[in-house]
C-alpha atoms as a PDB file:
ATOM      1  CA  UNK A   1     -51.717 184.534 135.649  1.00  0.00           C
ATOM      2  CA  UNK A   2     -48.201 183.096 135.385  1.00  0.00           C
ATOM      3  CA  UNK A   3     -45.212 185.104 136.612  1.00  0.00           C
ATOM      4  CA  UNK A   4     -41.599 185.173 135.420  1.00  0.00           C
ATOM      5  CA  UNK A   5     -39.051 186.537 137.893  1.00  0.00           C
ATOM      6  CA  UNK A   6     -36.511 188.442 135.766  1.00  0.00           C
ATOM      7  CA  UNK A   7     -33.214 189.107 137.543  1.00  0.00           C
ATOM      8  CA  UNK A   8     -30.832 191.711 136.177  1.00  0.00           C
ATOM      9  CA  UNK A   9     -27.541 190.715 137.803  1.00  0.00           C
ATOM     10  CA  UNK A  10     -25.254 193.438 136.500  1.00  0.00           C
ATOM     11  CA  UNK A  11     -24.249 196.309 138.808  1.00  0.00           C
ATOM     12  CA  UNK A  12     -25.074 198.655 135.910  1.00  0.00           C
ATOM     13  CA  UNK A  13     -28.805 199.211 135.688  1.00  0.00           C
ATOM     14  CA  UNK A  14     -28.793 200.472 132.089  1.00  0.00           C
ATOM     15  CA  UNK A  15     -25.861 198.657 130.509  1.00  0.00           C
ATOM     16  CA  UNK A  16     -25.540 195.977 127.847  1.00  0.00           C
ATOM     17  CA  UNK A  17     -26.891 193.212 130.094  1.00  0.00           C
ATOM     18  CA  UNK A  18     -29.996 195.264 130.874  1.00  0.00           C
ATOM     19  CA  UNK A  19     -30.686 195.838 127.177  1.00  0.00           C
ATOM     20  CA  UNK A  20     -30.508 192.089 126.511  1.00  0.00           C
ATOM     21  CA  UNK A  21     -32.948 191.468 129.330  1.00  0.00           C
ATOM     22  CA  UNK A  22     -35.251 194.110 127.850  1.00  0.00           C
ATOM     23  CA  UNK A  23     -35.265 192.023 124.671  1.00  0.00           C
ATOM     24  CA  UNK A  24     -36.225 188.918 126.658  1.00  0.00           C
ATOM     25  CA  UNK A  25     -38.987 190.846 128.405  1.00  0.00           C
ATOM     26  CA  UNK A  26     -40.390 191.833 125.023  1.00  0.00           C
ATOM     27  CA  UNK A  27     -40.678 188.116 124.279  1.00  0.00           C
ATOM     28  CA  UNK A  28     -42.335 187.470 127.642  1.00  0.00           C
ATOM     29  CA  UNK A  29     -44.881 190.207 126.972  1.00  0.00           C
ATOM     30  CA  UNK A  30     -45.854 188.540 123.700  1.00  0.00           C
ATOM     31  CA  UNK A  31     -47.393 185.591 125.572  1.00  0.00           C
ATOM     32  CA  UNK A  32     -50.901 186.063 126.975  1.00  0.00           C
ATOM     33  CA  UNK A  33     -51.610 185.520 130.679  1.00  0.00           C
ATOM     34  CA  UNK A  34     -47.954 185.897 131.639  1.00  0.00           C
ATOM     35  CA  UNK A  35     -46.507 188.807 133.591  1.00  0.00           C
ATOM     36  CA  UNK A  36     -42.961 189.552 134.683  1.00  0.00           C
ATOM     37  CA  UNK A  37     -41.375 190.916 137.834  1.00  0.00           C
ATOM     38  CA  UNK A  38     -38.136 192.725 136.958  1.00  0.00           C
ATOM     39  CA  UNK A  39     -35.607 193.182 139.747  1.00  0.00           C
ATOM     40  CA  UNK A  40     -32.090 194.567 139.916  1.00  0.00           C
ATOM     41  CA  UNK A  41     -30.189 192.112 142.093  1.00  0.00           C
ATOM     42  CA  UNK A  42     -27.962 194.812 143.553  1.00  0.00           C
ATOM     43  CA  UNK A  43     -31.038 196.434 145.151  1.00  0.00           C
ATOM     44  CA  UNK A  44     -31.336 193.375 147.412  1.00  0.00           C
ATOM     45  CA  UNK A  45     -27.753 193.375 148.689  1.00  0.00           C
ATOM     46  CA  UNK A  46     -26.337 192.468 151.056  1.00  0.00           C
ATOM     47  CA  UNK A  47     -27.135 188.828 150.411  1.00  0.00           C
ATOM     48  CA  UNK A  48     -25.160 187.010 153.048  1.00  0.00           C
ATOM     49  CA  UNK A  49     -23.303 183.777 152.339  1.00  0.00           C
ATOM     50  CA  UNK A  50     -24.742 180.518 153.640  1.00  0.00           C
ATOM     51  CA  UNK A  51     -23.350 179.771 157.108  1.00  0.00           C
ATOM     52  CA  UNK A  52     -23.855 176.006 156.840  1.00  0.00           C
ATOM     53  CA  UNK A  53     -25.923 176.023 160.026  1.00  0.00           C
ATOM     54  CA  UNK A  54     -28.335 173.391 158.622  1.00  0.00           C
ATOM     55  CA  UNK A  55     -31.293 175.204 160.155  1.00  0.00           C
ATOM     56  CA  UNK A  56     -33.126 174.877 156.831  1.00  0.00           C
ATOM     57  CA  UNK A  57     -32.921 171.102 157.229  1.00  0.00           C
ATOM     58  CA  UNK A  58     -33.701 170.965 160.938  1.00  0.00           C
ATOM     59  CA  UNK A  59     -36.400 173.640 161.070  1.00  0.00           C
ATOM     60  CA  UNK A  60     -38.882 173.032 158.242  1.00  0.00           C
ATOM     61  CA  UNK A  61     -36.668 174.340 155.439  1.00  0.00           C
ATOM     62  CA  UNK A  62     -36.365 177.812 156.923  1.00  0.00           C
ATOM     63  CA  UNK A  63     -33.366 180.099 156.649  1.00  0.00           C
ATOM     64  CA  UNK A  64     -32.685 182.113 159.794  1.00  0.00           C
ATOM     65  CA  UNK A  65     -30.460 184.762 158.197  1.00  0.00           C
ATOM     66  CA  UNK A  66     -31.981 188.244 158.297  1.00  0.00           C
ATOM     67  CA  UNK A  67     -31.620 189.467 154.739  1.00  0.00           C
ATOM     68  CA  UNK A  68     -33.549 189.459 151.458  1.00  0.00           C
ATOM     69  CA  UNK A  69     -32.984 185.710 150.986  1.00  0.00           C
ATOM     70  CA  UNK A  70     -33.997 184.744 154.516  1.00  0.00           C
ATOM     71  CA  UNK A  71     -37.328 183.007 155.113  1.00  0.00           C
ATOM     72  CA  UNK A  72     -39.234 186.300 155.304  1.00  0.00           C
ATOM     73  CA  UNK A  73     -36.993 188.184 152.899  1.00  0.00           C
ATOM     74  CA  UNK A  74     -38.561 189.968 149.936  1.00  0.00           C
ATOM     75  CA  UNK A  75     -36.370 188.301 147.318  1.00  0.00           C
ATOM     76  CA  UNK A  76     -36.933 184.846 148.813  1.00  0.00           C
ATOM     77  CA  UNK A  77     -40.683 185.382 148.583  1.00  0.00           C
ATOM     78  CA  UNK A  78     -40.483 186.594 144.983  1.00  0.00           C
ATOM     79  CA  UNK A  79     -38.617 183.441 144.033  1.00  0.00           C
ATOM     80  CA  UNK A  80     -40.990 181.279 146.043  1.00  0.00           C
ATOM     81  CA  UNK A  81     -44.048 182.657 144.225  1.00  0.00           C
ATOM     82  CA  UNK A  82     -42.645 182.677 140.675  1.00  0.00           C
ATOM     83  CA  UNK A  83     -43.482 180.260 137.875  1.00  0.00           C
ATOM     84  CA  UNK A  84     -40.147 180.743 136.129  1.00  0.00           C
ATOM     85  CA  UNK A  85     -36.750 182.347 136.693  1.00  0.00           C
ATOM     86  CA  UNK A  86     -34.884 184.326 134.009  1.00  0.00           C
ATOM     87  CA  UNK A  87     -31.428 185.715 134.765  1.00  0.00           C
ATOM     88  CA  UNK A  88     -29.262 188.058 132.707  1.00  0.00           C
ATOM     89  CA  UNK A  89     -25.719 188.633 133.924  1.00  0.00           C
ATOM     90  CA  UNK A  90     -22.342 189.963 132.835  1.00  0.00           C
ATOM     91  CA  UNK A  91     -19.272 187.727 132.797  1.00  0.00           C
ATOM     92  CA  UNK A  92     -16.380 188.526 135.134  1.00  0.00           C
ATOM     93  CA  UNK A  93     -13.136 186.568 134.781  1.00  0.00           C
ATOM     94  CA  UNK A  94     -14.945 183.936 132.751  1.00  0.00           C
ATOM     95  CA  UNK A  95     -17.586 183.362 135.426  1.00  0.00           C
ATOM     96  CA  UNK A  96     -20.921 184.798 136.619  1.00  0.00           C
ATOM     97  CA  UNK A  97     -20.502 187.697 139.086  1.00  0.00           C
ATOM     98  CA  UNK A  98     -20.058 187.000 142.798  1.00  0.00           C
ATOM     99  CA  UNK A  99     -23.393 188.521 143.819  1.00  0.00           C
ATOM    100  CA  UNK A 100     -25.204 186.053 141.580  1.00  0.00           C
ATOM    101  CA  UNK A 101     -23.291 183.188 143.167  1.00  0.00           C
ATOM    102  CA  UNK A 102     -24.477 184.366 146.595  1.00  0.00           C
ATOM    103  CA  UNK A 103     -28.054 184.458 145.311  1.00  0.00           C
ATOM    104  CA  UNK A 104     -27.870 180.826 144.214  1.00  0.00           C
ATOM    105  CA  UNK A 105     -25.974 179.795 147.337  1.00  0.00           C
ATOM    106  CA  UNK A 106     -29.003 180.817 149.377  1.00  0.00           C
ATOM    107  CA  UNK A 107     -31.320 178.478 147.435  1.00  0.00           C
ATOM    108  CA  UNK A 108     -30.274 175.760 149.866  1.00  0.00           C
ATOM    109  CA  UNK A 109     -33.611 175.631 151.764  1.00  0.00           C
ATOM    110  CA  UNK A 110     -35.271 174.739 148.454  1.00  0.00           C
ATOM    111  CA  UNK A 111     -32.985 171.729 148.176  1.00  0.00           C
ATOM    112  CA  UNK A 112     -34.858 170.200 151.099  1.00  0.00           C
ATOM    113  CA  UNK A 113     -38.355 171.532 150.468  1.00  0.00           C
ATOM    114  CA  UNK A 114     -38.326 170.657 146.770  1.00  0.00           C
ATOM    115  CA  UNK A 115     -40.275 173.857 146.079  1.00  0.00           C
ATOM    116  CA  UNK A 116     -38.180 174.812 143.050  1.00  0.00           C
ATOM    117  CA  UNK A 117     -38.105 171.332 141.548  1.00  0.00           C
ATOM    118  CA  UNK A 118     -39.289 171.721 137.966  1.00  0.00           C
ATOM    119  CA  UNK A 119     -39.372 175.540 137.881  1.00  0.00           C
ATOM    120  CA  UNK A 120     -38.478 176.705 134.332  1.00  0.00           C
ATOM    121  CA  UNK A 121     -35.135 178.520 134.087  1.00  0.00           C
ATOM    122  CA  UNK A 122     -33.295 180.431 131.382  1.00  0.00           C
ATOM    123  CA  UNK A 123     -30.345 182.811 131.337  1.00  0.00           C
ATOM    124  CA  UNK A 124     -28.223 185.209 129.320  1.00  0.00           C
ATOM    125  CA  UNK A 125     -24.453 185.507 129.842  1.00  0.00           C
ATOM    126  CA  UNK A 126     -22.948 188.655 128.290  1.00  0.00           C
ATOM    127  CA  UNK A 127     -19.272 189.505 127.888  1.00  0.00           C
ATOM    128  CA  UNK A 128     -16.734 191.517 125.912  1.00  0.00           C
ATOM    129  CA  UNK A 129     -12.950 191.333 125.569  1.00  0.00           C
ATOM    130  CA  UNK A 130     -11.778 187.709 125.844  1.00  0.00           C
ATOM    131  CA  UNK A 131     -15.253 186.490 126.637  1.00  0.00           C
ATOM    132  CA  UNK A 132     -15.788 183.494 128.880  1.00  0.00           C
ATOM    133  CA  UNK A 133     -19.442 183.464 127.917  1.00  0.00           C
ATOM    134  CA  UNK A 134     -19.687 179.687 127.550  1.00  0.00           C
ATOM    135  CA  UNK A 135     -17.850 178.794 130.745  1.00  0.00           C
ATOM    136  CA  UNK A 136     -20.093 181.263 132.591  1.00  0.00           C
ATOM    137  CA  UNK A 137     -23.181 179.807 130.944  1.00  0.00           C
ATOM    138  CA  UNK A 138     -22.125 176.301 131.975  1.00  0.00           C
ATOM    139  CA  UNK A 139     -21.599 177.497 135.556  1.00  0.00           C
ATOM    140  CA  UNK A 140     -25.049 179.013 135.885  1.00  0.00           C
ATOM    141  CA  UNK A 141     -26.609 175.953 134.270  1.00  0.00           C
ATOM    142  CA  UNK A 142     -24.855 173.753 136.831  1.00  0.00           C
ATOM    143  CA  UNK A 143     -26.232 175.908 139.643  1.00  0.00           C
ATOM    144  CA  UNK A 144     -29.743 175.732 138.235  1.00  0.00           C
ATOM    145  CA  UNK A 145     -29.863 171.959 137.903  1.00  0.00           C
ATOM    146  CA  UNK A 146     -28.348 171.501 141.366  1.00  0.00           C
ATOM    147  CA  UNK A 147     -31.726 172.735 142.628  1.00  0.00           C
ATOM    148  CA  UNK A 148     -33.668 170.772 139.991  1.00  0.00           C
ATOM    149  CA  UNK A 149     -34.742 173.787 137.972  1.00  0.00           C
ATOM    150  CA  UNK A 150     -35.937 172.858 134.482  1.00  0.00           C
ATOM    151  CA  UNK A 151     -33.466 174.432 132.066  1.00  0.00           C
ATOM    152  CA  UNK A 152     -35.327 175.922 129.090  1.00  0.00           C
ATOM    153  CA  UNK A 153     -32.344 177.548 127.441  1.00  0.00           C
ATOM    154  CA  UNK A 154     -29.250 179.698 127.743  1.00  0.00           C
ATOM    155  CA  UNK A 155     -27.888 182.487 125.558  1.00  0.00           C
ATOM    156  CA  UNK A 156     -24.140 183.243 125.595  1.00  0.00           C
ATOM    157  CA  UNK A 157     -23.589 186.698 124.069  1.00  0.00           C
ATOM    158  CA  UNK A 158     -20.331 188.326 123.010  1.00  0.00           C
ATOM    159  CA  UNK A 159     -20.286 191.983 122.054  1.00  0.00           C
ATOM    160  CA  UNK A 160     -19.218 191.234 118.483  1.00  0.00           C
ATOM    161  CA  UNK A 161     -22.672 189.732 117.839  1.00  0.00           C
ATOM    162  CA  UNK A 162     -24.625 191.929 120.232  1.00  0.00           C
ATOM    163  CA  UNK A 163     -27.270 193.330 117.878  1.00  0.00           C
ATOM    164  CA  UNK A 164     -28.443 189.964 116.596  1.00  0.00           C
ATOM    165  CA  UNK A 165     -28.450 188.656 120.178  1.00  0.00           C
ATOM    166  CA  UNK A 166     -31.310 191.035 121.001  1.00  0.00           C
ATOM    167  CA  UNK A 167     -33.542 189.026 118.662  1.00  0.00           C
ATOM    168  CA  UNK A 168     -32.342 185.747 120.201  1.00  0.00           C
ATOM    169  CA  UNK A 169     -33.069 187.145 123.669  1.00  0.00           C
ATOM    170  CA  UNK A 170     -36.629 187.940 122.607  1.00  0.00           C
ATOM    171  CA  UNK A 171     -37.087 184.377 121.356  1.00  0.00           C
ATOM    172  CA  UNK A 172     -35.745 182.977 124.633  1.00  0.00           C
ATOM    173  CA  UNK A 173     -38.086 185.270 126.560  1.00  0.00           C
ATOM    174  CA  UNK A 174     -41.040 183.865 124.665  1.00  0.00           C
ATOM    175  CA  UNK A 175     -39.912 180.303 125.443  1.00  0.00           C
ATOM    176  CA  UNK A 176     -39.590 180.963 129.183  1.00  0.00           C
ATOM    177  CA  UNK A 177     -43.007 182.671 129.214  1.00  0.00           C
ATOM    178  CA  UNK A 178     -44.641 179.666 127.579  1.00  0.00           C
ATOM    179  CA  UNK A 179     -42.913 177.390 130.095  1.00  0.00           C
ATOM    180  CA  UNK A 180     -44.092 179.615 132.969  1.00  0.00           C
ATOM    181  CA  UNK A 181     -47.662 179.401 131.708  1.00  0.00           C
ATOM    182  CA  UNK A 182     -47.484 175.606 131.683  1.00  0.00           C
ATOM    183  CA  UNK A 183     -45.934 175.708 135.164  1.00  0.00           C
ATOM    184  CA  UNK A 184     -48.841 177.767 136.490  1.00  0.00           C
ATOM    185  CA  UNK A 185     -51.162 174.949 135.506  1.00  0.00           C
ATOM    186  CA  UNK A 186     -48.985 172.131 136.820  1.00  0.00           C
ATOM    187  CA  UNK A 187     -45.348 172.038 137.879  1.00  0.00           C
ATOM    188  CA  UNK A 188     -43.673 168.977 136.412  1.00  0.00           C
ATOM    189  CA  UNK A 189     -40.931 167.825 138.733  1.00  0.00           C
ATOM    190  CA  UNK A 190     -37.530 166.994 137.298  1.00  0.00           C
ATOM    191  CA  UNK A 191     -36.886 163.267 137.599  1.00  0.00           C
ATOM    192  CA  UNK A 192     -33.455 161.938 138.642  1.00  0.00           C
ATOM    193  CA  UNK A 193     -32.936 160.618 135.108  1.00  0.00           C
ATOM    194  CA  UNK A 194     -33.772 164.011 133.556  1.00  0.00           C
ATOM    195  CA  UNK A 195     -31.453 165.740 136.002  1.00  0.00           C
ATOM    196  CA  UNK A 196     -28.462 163.673 134.982  1.00  0.00           C
ATOM    197  CA  UNK A 197     -29.180 163.846 131.272  1.00  0.00           C
ATOM    198  CA  UNK A 198     -29.123 167.661 131.198  1.00  0.00           C
ATOM    199  CA  UNK A 199     -26.447 169.008 128.878  1.00  0.00           C
ATOM    200  CA  UNK A 200     -25.518 172.452 127.640  1.00  0.00           C
ATOM    201  CA  UNK A 201     -25.326 172.686 123.853  1.00  0.00           C
ATOM    202  CA  UNK A 202     -23.463 169.379 123.717  1.00  0.00           C
ATOM    203  CA  UNK A 203     -20.431 170.940 125.421  1.00  0.00           C
ATOM    204  CA  UNK A 204     -21.036 169.814 128.955  1.00  0.00           C
ATOM    205  CA  UNK A 205     -22.789 166.727 130.255  1.00  0.00           C
ATOM    206  CA  UNK A 206     -24.233 166.595 133.751  1.00  0.00           C
ATOM    207  CA  UNK A 207     -23.867 162.811 133.734  1.00  0.00           C
ATOM    208  CA  UNK A 208     -20.222 162.834 132.679  1.00  0.00           C
ATOM    209  CA  UNK A 209     -19.360 165.582 135.153  1.00  0.00           C
ATOM    210  CA  UNK A 210     -21.113 163.812 138.025  1.00  0.00           C
ATOM    211  CA  UNK A 211     -19.472 160.459 137.261  1.00  0.00           C
ATOM    212  CA  UNK A 212     -16.035 162.100 137.230  1.00  0.00           C
ATOM    213  CA  UNK A 213     -16.715 163.734 140.589  1.00  0.00           C
ATOM    214  CA  UNK A 214     -18.135 160.591 142.173  1.00  0.00           C
ATOM    215  CA  UNK A 215     -15.277 158.356 141.010  1.00  0.00           C
ATOM    216  CA  UNK A 216     -12.399 160.742 141.765  1.00  0.00           C
ATOM    217  CA  UNK A 217     -11.766 161.100 138.050  1.00  0.00           C
ATOM    218  CA  UNK A 218     -11.251 157.358 137.501  1.00  0.00           C
ATOM    219  CA  UNK A 219     -14.703 156.280 136.222  1.00  0.00           C
ATOM    220  CA  UNK A 220     -14.194 153.142 138.334  1.00  0.00           C
ATOM    221  CA  UNK A 221     -16.685 152.098 140.994  1.00  0.00           C
ATOM    222  CA  UNK A 222     -13.884 150.705 143.160  1.00  0.00           C
ATOM    223  CA  UNK A 223     -12.397 154.194 143.439  1.00  0.00           C
ATOM    224  CA  UNK A 224     -15.728 155.971 143.915  1.00  0.00           C
ATOM    225  CA  UNK A 225     -16.823 157.994 146.917  1.00  0.00           C
ATOM    226  CA  UNK A 226     -19.709 155.567 147.485  1.00  0.00           C
ATOM    227  CA  UNK A 227     -17.396 152.545 147.576  1.00  0.00           C
ATOM    228  CA  UNK A 228     -15.047 154.366 149.943  1.00  0.00           C
ATOM    229  CA  UNK A 229     -17.918 155.336 152.245  1.00  0.00           C
ATOM    230  CA  UNK A 230     -19.159 151.735 152.371  1.00  0.00           C
ATOM    231  CA  UNK A 231     -15.686 150.297 153.037  1.00  0.00           C
ATOM    232  CA  UNK A 232     -14.871 152.764 155.783  1.00  0.00           C
ATOM    233  CA  UNK A 233     -18.350 153.384 157.225  1.00  0.00           C
ATOM    234  CA  UNK A 234     -17.633 157.091 156.993  1.00  0.00           C
ATOM    235  CA  UNK A 235     -21.127 158.385 156.125  1.00  0.00           C
ATOM    236  CA  UNK A 236     -22.930 158.293 159.455  1.00  0.00           C
ATOM    237  CA  UNK A 237     -25.379 161.136 158.799  1.00  0.00           C
ATOM    238  CA  UNK A 238     -28.386 159.849 156.844  1.00  0.00           C
ATOM    239  CA  UNK A 239     -29.133 163.183 155.177  1.00  0.00           C
ATOM    240  CA  UNK A 240     -25.525 163.527 154.029  1.00  0.00           C
ATOM    241  CA  UNK A 241     -25.483 159.974 152.703  1.00  0.00           C
ATOM    242  CA  UNK A 242     -28.462 160.746 150.452  1.00  0.00           C
ATOM    243  CA  UNK A 243     -26.479 163.480 148.710  1.00  0.00           C
ATOM    244  CA  UNK A 244     -24.072 160.867 147.375  1.00  0.00           C
ATOM    245  CA  UNK A 245     -26.841 159.230 145.353  1.00  0.00           C
END
């Protein structure tokens, strides 16, 4: 039996975001041999920020913080045992909410263990007023691929098209369920090439973004962080050096 971890990341348990997630769950339920675990992220607060102690690197990928995302935390274990991750969240100031950022920030042990590499991922970003749904969707997609999750799809939803979005959410739920089922049989790791070719609806390119970051916005190797590190011998920690590649 495959399992999709569904995270409702709005502080309102029965608001617009929750209704969209209900639509996705309907799609998940339509796929045989797939079950879902629905959680309200707020129920697992406080999720503490990463302290950059590097214990997860030094001590077999374990997090020593004593909260739901620590090594023995309930939420950490739910994520660890899932075959797919589906997140629905509201948009605040054009971005995902802060609690969701903390959740992703604590994925850091998985960076080193590789446990999440290839896990299917999908999300819904819901907003009203001036929106920000696409910038928020790009943010959460960036976070997902940082940990090598396999992005199945994303649904930006503004209130003006809310009713039709319920149907789209159901379709996305079915897609993530099918991906979870395949994952339960064999997790296909994301290759470095796949990771850098990820894009979001043609609006944002992982490759372009990474090249701009690595070259200080110049797109010139001579001005890149790698060239600087080689010239100055400034990357003395082997683990840190690997992150430049």
